[in-house]
Amino acid sequence: MNKRLVVFIDSVHPILEEKLQQAGFECTNHFHSSFEDLKPILSDAVGLVIRSRFTINADFLSFCPSLEFIARSGSGLENIDTTICKERNIRLYNSPEGNRNAVAEHALGMLLSLLHKLNKADKEVRAGVWEREANRGEELDGKTIAIIGYGNNGAAFAKKLRGFDVKVMAYDKYKQNFGDHFVQECTLEAIYEQADVVSFHIPQNEETKKLFNLSFLRRMKKPFYLLNLSRGQIVDTSTLVYGLQNKLIKGAGLDVLEYEKKSFESFFDQEMPPEFSYLIASEKVVLTPHVGGWTTESYIKLSAVLAEKILTDFNC
């Protein structure tokens, strides 16, 4: 095939570039280029490889007349105008299969840390405090775990829970008949009634933003643990803080936050609301910087999955 240009706007594992070049694509890296610097380069691009540095909207795409595909290293496509891409027959690729195991392990680790107060106990021992009763934990066995969103990440988390004596329930608005010996397909109403743990694994869109809000919280029948490893804006932070303060929520594990920017590295270059200060100070909260799917292994898998999808579609 003739050389066709693929512009890497964000850095990913080099296996993707290697495989594309082997298949005849010409690849160029512009990890730090501004939008202005990219404009003349984009005119010849048939492919873009991105993470989250830019929003791929109508203005951006107007400089890409030859574009045939966009490959995002990761799961969500919320930073891409999918409607325009569909109109222009631009193929969209993402790679949720590449980091689903990492996200599932991260969710399990967060949950066990919350139940057994590992972060709190570790901090105290390092400070010379030997307090046993105040660090008495809870066991995971016997609890009901509710997974909202049964895609790659939700299903992987359910798989990790198989070794525990727990009841796993899953709700997915767009899937049916996925229940099996390990997972019980359920309604949101069943989650409100039974859940000891609620874990979100859904994409961010207008329908899911602040899905966890005051109405959701008030419908929960008992105090519970909350996990969010999907997107920050799915959980309303003020509602979460209210729930923690009033003992309606027993603890929270957050790998994502409502206040995230497109550039994760500039997260703290903004004025934070008081709710964020509460989360930082709370011993009932475990926080990580959007690294649930960020492992040594997933770094390779994310690019390998994208390469396989692109080369299969283009018959390379």
C-alpha atoms as a PDB file:
ATOM      1  CA  MET A   1       0.000   0.000   0.000  1.00  0.00           C
ATOM      2  CA  ASN A   2       1.098   3.609  -0.508  1.00  0.00           C
ATOM      3  CA  LYS A   3       2.524   5.443   2.472  1.00  0.00           C
ATOM      4  CA  ARG A   4      -0.288   7.067   4.423  1.00  0.00           C
ATOM      5  CA  LEU A   5       0.277   9.491   7.277  1.00  0.00           C
ATOM      6  CA  VAL A   6      -0.731   8.730  10.873  1.00  0.00           C
ATOM      7  CA  VAL A   7      -0.168  11.561  13.364  1.00  0.00           C
ATOM      8  CA  PHE A   8       0.509  10.563  16.959  1.00  0.00           C
ATOM      9  CA  ILE A   9      -0.769  13.506  19.027  1.00  0.00           C
ATOM     10  CA  ASP A  10      -0.191  11.738  22.351  1.00  0.00           C
ATOM     11  CA  SER A  11       2.466   9.241  23.371  1.00  0.00           C
ATOM     12  CA  VAL A  12       1.477   5.575  23.536  1.00  0.00           C
ATOM     13  CA  HIS A  13       3.442   2.345  23.658  1.00  0.00           C
ATOM     14  CA  PRO A  14       5.699   2.143  20.567  1.00  0.00           C
ATOM     15  CA  ILE A  15       4.287  -1.223  19.513  1.00  0.00           C
ATOM     16  CA  LEU A  16       1.417   0.611  17.798  1.00  0.00           C
ATOM     17  CA  GLU A  17       3.726   2.747  15.683  1.00  0.00           C
ATOM     18  CA  GLU A  18       5.901  -0.270  14.877  1.00  0.00           C
ATOM     19  CA  LYS A  19       2.956  -2.346  13.642  1.00  0.00           C
ATOM     20  CA  LEU A  20       1.477   0.514  11.610  1.00  0.00           C
ATOM     21  CA  GLN A  21       4.820   1.192   9.940  1.00  0.00           C
ATOM     22  CA  GLN A  22       5.252  -2.500   9.154  1.00  0.00           C
ATOM     23  CA  ALA A  23       1.864  -2.365   7.439  1.00  0.00           C
ATOM     24  CA  GLY A  24       2.899   0.575   5.267  1.00  0.00           C
ATOM     25  CA  PHE A  25       1.674   3.590   7.216  1.00  0.00           C
ATOM     26  CA  GLU A  26       3.956   6.578   7.743  1.00  0.00           C
ATOM     27  CA  CYS A  27       3.935   7.702  11.385  1.00  0.00           C
ATOM     28  CA  THR A  28       4.943  11.054  12.846  1.00  0.00           C
ATOM     29  CA  ASN A  29       5.022  12.078  16.498  1.00  0.00           C
ATOM     30  CA  HIS A  30       3.745  15.430  17.747  1.00  0.00           C
ATOM     31  CA  PHE A  31       3.328  14.805  21.465  1.00  0.00           C
ATOM     32  CA  HIS A  32       3.986  18.419  22.447  1.00  0.00           C
ATOM     33  CA  SER A  33       2.840  20.350  19.393  1.00  0.00           C
ATOM     34  CA  SER A  34       0.204  23.022  19.840  1.00  0.00           C
ATOM     35  CA  PHE A  35      -2.987  23.010  17.808  1.00  0.00           C
ATOM     36  CA  GLU A  36      -1.582  25.853  15.672  1.00  0.00           C
ATOM     37  CA  ASP A  37       1.551  23.835  14.940  1.00  0.00           C
ATOM     38  CA  LEU A  38      -0.519  20.757  14.125  1.00  0.00           C
ATOM     39  CA  LYS A  39      -2.826  22.419  11.587  1.00  0.00           C
ATOM     40  CA  PRO A  40      -0.559  22.145   8.502  1.00  0.00           C
ATOM     41  CA  ILE A  41       0.336  18.552   9.389  1.00  0.00           C
ATOM     42  CA  LEU A  42      -3.252  17.429   9.888  1.00  0.00           C
ATOM     43  CA  SER A  43      -4.208  18.188   6.283  1.00  0.00           C
ATOM     44  CA  ASP A  44      -2.450  15.036   5.062  1.00  0.00           C
ATOM     45  CA  ALA A  45      -3.314  12.745   7.970  1.00  0.00           C
ATOM     46  CA  VAL A  46      -5.375   9.627   7.340  1.00  0.00           C
ATOM     47  CA  GLY A  47      -5.123   8.627  10.981  1.00  0.00           C
ATOM     48  CA  LEU A  48      -4.822  10.214  14.431  1.00  0.00           C
ATOM     49  CA  VAL A  49      -3.622   8.524  17.612  1.00  0.00           C
ATOM     50  CA  ILE A  50      -4.753  10.309  20.761  1.00  0.00           C
ATOM     51  CA  ARG A  51      -5.289  10.011  24.475  1.00  0.00           C
ATOM     52  CA  SER A  52      -6.835  13.130  26.022  1.00  0.00           C
ATOM     53  CA  ARG A  53      -4.716  16.182  25.181  1.00  0.00           C
ATOM     54  CA  PHE A  54      -7.164  17.676  22.669  1.00  0.00           C
ATOM     55  CA  THR A  55     -10.915  17.669  22.173  1.00  0.00           C
ATOM     56  CA  ILE A  56     -11.501  16.356  18.671  1.00  0.00           C
ATOM     57  CA  ASN A  57     -14.430  18.595  17.740  1.00  0.00           C
ATOM     58  CA  ALA A  58     -15.761  20.186  14.537  1.00  0.00           C
ATOM     59  CA  ASP A  59     -13.076  22.880  14.531  1.00  0.00           C
ATOM     60  CA  PHE A  60     -10.267  20.348  14.933  1.00  0.00           C
ATOM     61  CA  LEU A  61     -11.706  18.008  12.308  1.00  0.00           C
ATOM     62  CA  SER A  62     -12.085  20.841   9.797  1.00  0.00           C
ATOM     63  CA  PHE A  63      -8.296  20.719   9.418  1.00  0.00           C
ATOM     64  CA  CYS A  64      -8.367  16.958   8.683  1.00  0.00           C
ATOM     65  CA  PRO A  65      -9.892  16.592   5.200  1.00  0.00           C
ATOM     66  CA  SER A  66      -8.213  13.230   4.532  1.00  0.00           C
ATOM     67  CA  LEU A  67      -8.910  11.621   7.901  1.00  0.00           C
ATOM     68  CA  GLU A  68     -10.022   7.981   7.838  1.00  0.00           C
ATOM     69  CA  PHE A  69      -9.616   6.924  11.462  1.00  0.00           C
ATOM     70  CA  ILE A  70      -9.013   8.082  15.031  1.00  0.00           C
ATOM     71  CA  ALA A  71      -7.462   5.669  17.525  1.00  0.00           C
ATOM     72  CA  ARG A  72      -7.775   6.489  21.207  1.00  0.00           C
ATOM     73  CA  SER A  73      -5.535   4.675  23.658  1.00  0.00           C
ATOM     74  CA  GLY A  74      -8.068   4.010  26.421  1.00  0.00           C
ATOM     75  CA  SER A  75     -11.735   3.301  26.779  1.00  0.00           C
ATOM     76  CA  GLY A  76     -13.787   6.502  26.597  1.00  0.00           C
ATOM     77  CA  LEU A  77     -14.563   8.503  23.458  1.00  0.00           C
ATOM     78  CA  GLU A  78     -16.051  11.529  25.234  1.00  0.00           C
ATOM     79  CA  ASN A  79     -13.369  13.878  23.886  1.00  0.00           C
ATOM     80  CA  ILE A  80     -14.341  13.046  20.279  1.00  0.00           C
ATOM     81  CA  ASP A  81     -17.336  14.424  18.379  1.00  0.00           C
ATOM     82  CA  THR A  82     -18.674  11.031  17.349  1.00  0.00           C
ATOM     83  CA  THR A  83     -21.574  12.523  15.387  1.00  0.00           C
ATOM     84  CA  ILE A  84     -19.332  14.373  12.947  1.00  0.00           C
ATOM     85  CA  CYS A  85     -17.063  11.347  12.659  1.00  0.00           C
ATOM     86  CA  LYS A  86     -20.048   9.207  11.710  1.00  0.00           C
ATOM     87  CA  GLU A  87     -21.165  11.762   9.108  1.00  0.00           C
ATOM     88  CA  ARG A  88     -17.694  11.754   7.570  1.00  0.00           C
ATOM     89  CA  ASN A  89     -17.239   7.969   7.828  1.00  0.00           C
ATOM     90  CA  ILE A  90     -14.234   8.388  10.106  1.00  0.00           C
ATOM     91  CA  ARG A  91     -13.637   5.107  11.912  1.00  0.00           C
ATOM     92  CA  LEU A  92     -13.197   5.305  15.682  1.00  0.00           C
ATOM     93  CA  TYR A  93     -11.090   2.848  17.636  1.00  0.00           C
ATOM     94  CA  ASN A  94     -10.596   2.573  21.368  1.00  0.00           C
ATOM     95  CA  SER A  95      -9.062  -0.134  23.520  1.00  0.00           C
ATOM     96  CA  PRO A  96     -11.054  -0.905  26.689  1.00  0.00           C
ATOM     97  CA  GLU A  97      -9.927  -4.526  26.380  1.00  0.00           C
ATOM     98  CA  GLY A  98      -6.363  -3.385  26.990  1.00  0.00           C
ATOM     99  CA  ASN A  99      -6.777  -2.079  30.528  1.00  0.00           C
ATOM    100  CA  ARG A 100      -9.848  -3.890  31.854  1.00  0.00           C
ATOM    101  CA  ASN A 101      -7.803  -6.267  34.002  1.00  0.00           C
ATOM    102  CA  ALA A 102      -5.827  -3.377  35.475  1.00  0.00           C
ATOM    103  CA  VAL A 103      -9.012  -1.466  36.320  1.00  0.00           C
ATOM    104  CA  ALA A 104     -10.583  -4.540  37.901  1.00  0.00           C
ATOM    105  CA  GLU A 105      -7.559  -5.193  40.113  1.00  0.00           C
ATOM    106  CA  HIS A 106      -7.432  -1.526  41.088  1.00  0.00           C
ATOM    107  CA  ALA A 107     -11.113  -1.578  42.072  1.00  0.00           C
ATOM    108  CA  LEU A 108     -10.603  -4.666  44.206  1.00  0.00           C
ATOM    109  CA  GLY A 109      -7.552  -3.130  45.856  1.00  0.00           C
ATOM    110  CA  MET A 110      -9.440   0.060  46.678  1.00  0.00           C
ATOM    111  CA  LEU A 111     -12.354  -1.878  48.119  1.00  0.00           C
ATOM    112  CA  LEU A 112     -10.171  -4.048  50.358  1.00  0.00           C
ATOM    113  CA  SER A 113      -8.225  -1.001  51.511  1.00  0.00           C
ATOM    114  CA  LEU A 114     -11.459   0.737  52.504  1.00  0.00           C
ATOM    115  CA  LEU A 115     -12.906  -2.293  54.276  1.00  0.00           C
ATOM    116  CA  HIS A 116      -9.743  -3.017  56.243  1.00  0.00           C
ATOM    117  CA  LYS A 117      -8.698   0.626  56.759  1.00  0.00           C
ATOM    118  CA  LEU A 118      -5.261  -0.110  55.312  1.00  0.00           C
ATOM    119  CA  ASN A 119      -4.389   3.466  54.354  1.00  0.00           C
ATOM    120  CA  LYS A 120      -5.434   4.845  57.741  1.00  0.00           C
ATOM    121  CA  ALA A 121      -3.610   2.138  59.697  1.00  0.00           C
ATOM    122  CA  ASP A 122      -0.439   2.484  57.618  1.00  0.00           C
ATOM    123  CA  LYS A 123      -0.376   6.249  58.144  1.00  0.00           C
ATOM    124  CA  GLU A 124      -0.844   5.878  61.900  1.00  0.00           C
ATOM    125  CA  VAL A 125       1.849   3.243  62.373  1.00  0.00           C
ATOM    126  CA  ARG A 126       4.333   5.385  60.451  1.00  0.00           C
ATOM    127  CA  ALA A 127       3.448   8.240  62.823  1.00  0.00           C
ATOM    128  CA  GLY A 128       4.064   6.073  65.884  1.00  0.00           C
ATOM    129  CA  VAL A 129       0.395   5.378  66.663  1.00  0.00           C
ATOM    130  CA  TRP A 130      -0.438   1.753  67.509  1.00  0.00           C
ATOM    131  CA  GLU A 131      -4.249   1.779  67.544  1.00  0.00           C
ATOM    132  CA  ARG A 132      -5.927  -1.575  67.026  1.00  0.00           C
ATOM    133  CA  GLU A 133      -9.606  -1.162  67.903  1.00  0.00           C
ATOM    134  CA  ALA A 134     -10.021   2.017  65.852  1.00  0.00           C
ATOM    135  CA  ASN A 135      -8.660   0.096  62.855  1.00  0.00           C
ATOM    136  CA  ARG A 136     -10.942  -2.908  63.166  1.00  0.00           C
ATOM    137  CA  GLY A 137     -12.008  -3.668  59.600  1.00  0.00           C
ATOM    138  CA  GLU A 138     -14.872  -5.353  57.787  1.00  0.00           C
ATOM    139  CA  GLU A 139     -14.742  -8.520  55.702  1.00  0.00           C
ATOM    140  CA  LEU A 140     -15.752  -8.565  52.088  1.00  0.00           C
ATOM    141  CA  ASP A 141     -17.309 -12.008  52.397  1.00  0.00           C
ATOM    142  CA  GLY A 142     -21.085 -11.970  52.724  1.00  0.00           C
ATOM    143  CA  LYS A 143     -21.552  -8.573  51.122  1.00  0.00           C
ATOM    144  CA  THR A 144     -23.574  -7.626  48.046  1.00  0.00           C
ATOM    145  CA  ILE A 145     -21.522  -5.883  45.367  1.00  0.00           C
ATOM    146  CA  ALA A 146     -23.442  -3.853  42.780  1.00  0.00           C
ATOM    147  CA  ILE A 147     -21.736  -3.093  39.472  1.00  0.00           C
ATOM    148  CA  ILE A 148     -23.268  -0.359  37.333  1.00  0.00           C
ATOM    149  CA  GLY A 149     -22.142  -0.839  33.737  1.00  0.00           C
ATOM    150  CA  TYR A 150     -21.320  -4.351  32.561  1.00  0.00           C
ATOM    151  CA  GLY A 151     -18.889  -3.655  29.745  1.00  0.00           C
ATOM    152  CA  ASN A 152     -15.227  -4.596  29.668  1.00  0.00           C
ATOM    153  CA  ASN A 153     -14.329  -3.093  33.047  1.00  0.00           C
ATOM    154  CA  GLY A 154     -17.500  -4.044  34.897  1.00  0.00           C
ATOM    155  CA  ALA A 155     -17.307  -7.638  33.722  1.00  0.00           C
ATOM    156  CA  ALA A 156     -13.605  -7.830  34.613  1.00  0.00           C
ATOM    157  CA  PHE A 157     -14.331  -6.570  38.141  1.00  0.00           C
ATOM    158  CA  ALA A 158     -17.063  -9.187  38.531  1.00  0.00           C
ATOM    159  CA  LYS A 159     -14.541 -11.842  37.493  1.00  0.00           C
ATOM    160  CA  LYS A 160     -12.080 -10.692  40.165  1.00  0.00           C
ATOM    161  CA  LEU A 161     -14.796 -11.051  42.818  1.00  0.00           C
ATOM    162  CA  ARG A 162     -15.372 -14.742  42.043  1.00  0.00           C
ATOM    163  CA  GLY A 163     -12.891 -15.846  44.684  1.00  0.00           C
ATOM    164  CA  PHE A 164     -14.885 -14.167  47.453  1.00  0.00           C
ATOM    165  CA  ASP A 165     -18.078 -15.340  49.085  1.00  0.00           C
ATOM    166  CA  VAL A 166     -20.065 -12.354  47.842  1.00  0.00           C
ATOM    167  CA  LYS A 167     -23.220 -11.707  45.872  1.00  0.00           C
ATOM    168  CA  VAL A 168     -22.448  -9.807  42.670  1.00  0.00           C
ATOM    169  CA  MET A 169     -25.250  -7.869  41.004  1.00  0.00           C
ATOM    170  CA  ALA A 170     -24.886  -5.918  37.775  1.00  0.00           C
ATOM    171  CA  TYR A 171     -27.048  -3.343  36.033  1.00  0.00           C
ATOM    172  CA  ASP A 172     -26.546  -2.202  32.453  1.00  0.00           C
ATOM    173  CA  LYS A 173     -29.202  -0.155  30.699  1.00  0.00           C
ATOM    174  CA  TYR A 174     -28.065  -1.352  27.278  1.00  0.00           C
ATOM    175  CA  LYS A 175     -27.437  -5.040  27.929  1.00  0.00           C
ATOM    176  CA  GLN A 176     -29.704  -7.944  28.782  1.00  0.00           C
ATOM    177  CA  ASN A 177     -29.317 -11.645  29.481  1.00  0.00           C
ATOM    178  CA  PHE A 178     -25.711 -11.429  30.669  1.00  0.00           C
ATOM    179  CA  GLY A 179     -26.309 -12.999  34.054  1.00  0.00           C
ATOM    180  CA  ASP A 180     -24.576 -16.275  34.861  1.00  0.00           C
ATOM    181  CA  HIS A 181     -23.479 -18.399  37.806  1.00  0.00           C
ATOM    182  CA  PHE A 182     -21.294 -15.561  39.128  1.00  0.00           C
ATOM    183  CA  VAL A 183     -23.300 -12.428  38.306  1.00  0.00           C
ATOM    184  CA  GLN A 184     -26.975 -11.662  38.821  1.00  0.00           C
ATOM    185  CA  GLU A 185     -28.453  -9.261  36.287  1.00  0.00           C
ATOM    186  CA  CYS A 186     -30.562  -6.727  38.183  1.00  0.00           C
ATOM    187  CA  THR A 187     -32.433  -3.433  38.136  1.00  0.00           C
ATOM    188  CA  LEU A 188     -31.411  -0.175  39.757  1.00  0.00           C
ATOM    189  CA  GLU A 189     -34.210  -0.729  42.253  1.00  0.00           C
ATOM    190  CA  ALA A 190     -32.581  -3.972  43.380  1.00  0.00           C
ATOM    191  CA  ILE A 191     -29.312  -2.115  43.877  1.00  0.00           C
ATOM    192  CA  TYR A 192     -31.025   0.512  46.009  1.00  0.00           C
ATOM    193  CA  GLU A 193     -32.491  -2.239  48.166  1.00  0.00           C
ATOM    194  CA  GLN A 194     -29.549  -4.608  48.583  1.00  0.00           C
ATOM    195  CA  ALA A 195     -26.132  -3.134  47.780  1.00  0.00           C
ATOM    196  CA  ASP A 196     -23.320  -2.922  50.328  1.00  0.00           C
ATOM    197  CA  VAL A 197     -20.949  -1.686  47.621  1.00  0.00           C
ATOM    198  CA  VAL A 198     -21.763   0.310  44.471  1.00  0.00           C
ATOM    199  CA  SER A 199     -19.096   0.419  41.755  1.00  0.00           C
ATOM    200  CA  PHE A 200     -19.437   2.566  38.623  1.00  0.00           C
ATOM    201  CA  HIS A 201     -18.035   1.324  35.295  1.00  0.00           C
ATOM    202  CA  ILE A 202     -19.889   3.409  32.703  1.00  0.00           C
ATOM    203  CA  PRO A 203     -18.893   5.908  30.003  1.00  0.00           C
ATOM    204  CA  GLN A 204     -19.427   9.628  30.483  1.00  0.00           C
ATOM    205  CA  ASN A 205     -22.118  11.248  28.375  1.00  0.00           C
ATOM    206  CA  GLU A 206     -25.078  13.563  28.894  1.00  0.00           C
ATOM    207  CA  GLU A 207     -27.132  10.662  30.206  1.00  0.00           C
ATOM    208  CA  THR A 208     -24.608   9.519  32.807  1.00  0.00           C
ATOM    209  CA  LYS A 209     -23.226  12.825  34.132  1.00  0.00           C
ATOM    210  CA  LYS A 210     -24.006  13.013  37.856  1.00  0.00           C
ATOM    211  CA  LEU A 211     -25.875   9.730  37.705  1.00  0.00           C
ATOM    212  CA  PHE A 212     -24.887   9.435  41.344  1.00  0.00           C
ATOM    213  CA  ASN A 213     -26.733  12.385  42.837  1.00  0.00           C
ATOM    214  CA  LEU A 214     -28.872  13.194  45.867  1.00  0.00           C
ATOM    215  CA  SER A 215     -31.845  11.309  44.448  1.00  0.00           C
ATOM    216  CA  PHE A 216     -29.714   8.184  43.979  1.00  0.00           C
ATOM    217  CA  LEU A 217     -28.264   8.490  47.490  1.00  0.00           C
ATOM    218  CA  ARG A 218     -31.650   8.913  49.165  1.00  0.00           C
ATOM    219  CA  ARG A 219     -32.955   5.754  47.492  1.00  0.00           C
ATOM    220  CA  MET A 220     -30.214   3.582  48.988  1.00  0.00           C
ATOM    221  CA  LYS A 221     -31.668   1.554  51.854  1.00  0.00           C
ATOM    222  CA  LYS A 222     -28.478   1.088  53.882  1.00  0.00           C
ATOM    223  CA  PRO A 223     -25.017   2.647  54.242  1.00  0.00           C
ATOM    224  CA  PHE A 224     -22.653   1.477  51.510  1.00  0.00           C
ATOM    225  CA  TYR A 225     -19.190   1.845  49.990  1.00  0.00           C
ATOM    226  CA  LEU A 226     -18.863   3.711  46.683  1.00  0.00           C
ATOM    227  CA  LEU A 227     -16.249   3.078  43.988  1.00  0.00           C
ATOM    228  CA  ASN A 228     -15.757   5.162  40.864  1.00  0.00           C
ATOM    229  CA  LEU A 229     -13.216   4.001  38.285  1.00  0.00           C
ATOM    230  CA  SER A 230     -15.053   5.295  35.235  1.00  0.00           C
ATOM    231  CA  ARG A 231     -15.257   9.084  34.781  1.00  0.00           C
ATOM    232  CA  GLY A 232     -15.250  11.796  37.425  1.00  0.00           C
ATOM    233  CA  GLN A 233     -18.425  13.613  36.445  1.00  0.00           C
ATOM    234  CA  ILE A 234     -20.567  10.522  36.942  1.00  0.00           C
ATOM    235  CA  VAL A 235     -20.403  11.090  40.704  1.00  0.00           C
ATOM    236  CA  ASP A 236     -21.644  14.404  42.092  1.00  0.00           C
ATOM    237  CA  THR A 237     -18.971  15.297  44.629  1.00  0.00           C
ATOM    238  CA  SER A 238     -21.215  17.416  46.841  1.00  0.00           C
ATOM    239  CA  THR A 239     -23.599  14.460  47.173  1.00  0.00           C
ATOM    240  CA  LEU A 240     -20.698  12.154  47.994  1.00  0.00           C
ATOM    241  CA  VAL A 241     -19.456  14.503  50.734  1.00  0.00           C
ATOM    242  CA  TYR A 242     -22.969  14.834  52.125  1.00  0.00           C
ATOM    243  CA  GLY A 243     -23.271  11.050  52.234  1.00  0.00           C
ATOM    244  CA  LEU A 244     -19.929  10.644  54.010  1.00  0.00           C
ATOM    245  CA  GLN A 245     -20.701  13.384  56.545  1.00  0.00           C
ATOM    246  CA  ASN A 246     -24.078  11.860  57.391  1.00  0.00           C
ATOM    247  CA  LYS A 247     -22.832   8.247  57.499  1.00  0.00           C
ATOM    248  CA  LEU A 248     -24.983   7.267  54.523  1.00  0.00           C
ATOM    249  CA  ILE A 249     -21.767   6.345  52.702  1.00  0.00           C
ATOM    250  CA  LYS A 250     -19.253   4.283  54.675  1.00  0.00           C
ATOM    251  CA  GLY A 251     -16.308   5.007  52.413  1.00  0.00           C
ATOM    252  CA  ALA A 252     -15.328   5.876  48.852  1.00  0.00           C
ATOM    253  CA  GLY A 253     -12.612   4.768  46.460  1.00  0.00           C
ATOM    254  CA  LEU A 254     -12.106   7.319  43.693  1.00  0.00           C
ATOM    255  CA  ASP A 255      -9.685   6.886  40.821  1.00  0.00           C
ATOM    256  CA  VAL A 256     -11.402   9.748  38.979  1.00  0.00           C
ATOM    257  CA  LEU A 257     -12.701  13.112  40.124  1.00  0.00           C
ATOM    258  CA  GLU A 258     -15.321  15.560  38.943  1.00  0.00           C
ATOM    259  CA  TYR A 259     -12.664  18.278  38.694  1.00  0.00           C
ATOM    260  CA  GLU A 260     -10.369  16.553  36.195  1.00  0.00           C
ATOM    261  CA  LYS A 261      -9.109  18.470  33.190  1.00  0.00           C
ATOM    262  CA  LYS A 262      -8.224  17.078  29.775  1.00  0.00           C
ATOM    263  CA  SER A 263      -4.583  17.276  30.829  1.00  0.00           C
ATOM    264  CA  PHE A 264      -4.249  15.151  33.955  1.00  0.00           C
ATOM    265  CA  GLU A 265      -0.840  16.624  34.751  1.00  0.00           C
ATOM    266  CA  SER A 266      -2.350  20.092  35.287  1.00  0.00           C
ATOM    267  CA  PHE A 267      -5.000  18.842  37.705  1.00  0.00           C
ATOM    268  CA  PHE A 268      -3.815  20.964  40.622  1.00  0.00           C
ATOM    269  CA  ASP A 269      -3.413  24.118  38.525  1.00  0.00           C
ATOM    270  CA  GLN A 270      -6.904  25.209  39.490  1.00  0.00           C
ATOM    271  CA  GLU A 271      -8.757  26.451  42.539  1.00  0.00           C
ATOM    272  CA  MET A 272     -10.354  23.481  44.246  1.00  0.00           C
ATOM    273  CA  PRO A 273     -13.792  23.627  45.905  1.00  0.00           C
ATOM    274  CA  PRO A 274     -14.199  22.859  49.621  1.00  0.00           C
ATOM    275  CA  GLU A 275     -15.627  19.425  48.791  1.00  0.00           C
ATOM    276  CA  PHE A 276     -12.247  18.396  47.435  1.00  0.00           C
ATOM    277  CA  SER A 277     -10.547  19.526  50.642  1.00  0.00           C
ATOM    278  CA  TYR A 278     -12.957  17.324  52.554  1.00  0.00           C
ATOM    279  CA  LEU A 279     -12.113  14.285  50.419  1.00  0.00           C
ATOM    280  CA  ILE A 280      -8.380  14.825  50.905  1.00  0.00           C
ATOM    281  CA  ALA A 281      -8.761  15.058  54.685  1.00  0.00           C
ATOM    282  CA  SER A 282     -11.180  12.140  55.077  1.00  0.00           C
ATOM    283  CA  GLU A 283      -9.886   8.806  56.367  1.00  0.00           C
ATOM    284  CA  LYS A 284     -12.904   7.204  54.692  1.00  0.00           C
ATOM    285  CA  VAL A 285     -11.687   8.046  51.196  1.00  0.00           C
ATOM    286  CA  VAL A 286      -9.004   6.431  49.025  1.00  0.00           C
ATOM    287  CA  LEU A 287      -7.838   8.582  46.109  1.00  0.00           C
ATOM    288  CA  THR A 288      -5.678   7.759  43.091  1.00  0.00           C
ATOM    289  CA  PRO A 289      -4.798  10.006  40.080  1.00  0.00           C
ATOM    290  CA  HIS A 290      -6.757   8.248  37.309  1.00  0.00           C
ATOM    291  CA  VAL A 291      -4.333   5.328  37.183  1.00  0.00           C
ATOM    292  CA  GLY A 292      -6.770   2.426  37.524  1.00  0.00           C
ATOM    293  CA  GLY A 293      -5.912   1.236  34.033  1.00  0.00           C
ATOM    294  CA  TRP A 294      -2.344   2.531  34.139  1.00  0.00           C
ATOM    295  CA  THR A 295      -0.093  -0.482  34.585  1.00  0.00           C
ATOM    296  CA  THR A 296       3.074  -1.691  32.896  1.00  0.00           C
ATOM    297  CA  GLU A 297       1.084  -4.483  31.248  1.00  0.00           C
ATOM    298  CA  SER A 298      -1.868  -2.346  30.150  1.00  0.00           C
ATOM    299  CA  TYR A 299       0.482   0.186  28.545  1.00  0.00           C
ATOM    300  CA  ILE A 300       1.456  -2.507  26.052  1.00  0.00           C
ATOM    301  CA  LYS A 301      -2.008  -4.044  25.719  1.00  0.00           C
ATOM    302  CA  LEU A 302      -3.734  -0.737  24.911  1.00  0.00           C
ATOM    303  CA  SER A 303      -1.529  -0.186  21.871  1.00  0.00           C
ATOM    304  CA  ALA A 304      -1.532  -3.827  20.806  1.00  0.00           C
ATOM    305  CA  VAL A 305      -5.344  -3.888  20.806  1.00  0.00           C
ATOM    306  CA  LEU A 306      -5.505  -0.713  18.708  1.00  0.00           C
ATOM    307  CA  ALA A 307      -2.988  -2.086  16.219  1.00  0.00           C
ATOM    308  CA  GLU A 308      -4.974  -5.295  15.795  1.00  0.00           C
ATOM    309  CA  LYS A 309      -8.250  -3.430  15.238  1.00  0.00           C
ATOM    310  CA  ILE A 310      -6.800  -0.957  12.731  1.00  0.00           C
ATOM    311  CA  LEU A 311      -4.854  -3.510  10.707  1.00  0.00           C
ATOM    312  CA  THR A 312      -7.804  -5.896  10.622  1.00  0.00           C
ATOM    313  CA  ASP A 313     -10.143  -3.177   9.334  1.00  0.00           C
ATOM    314  CA  PHE A 314      -7.661  -1.992   6.714  1.00  0.00           C
ATOM    315  CA  ASN A 315      -6.821  -5.558   5.638  1.00  0.00           C
ATOM    316  CA  CYS A 316      -3.154  -5.124   6.431  1.00  0.00           C
END
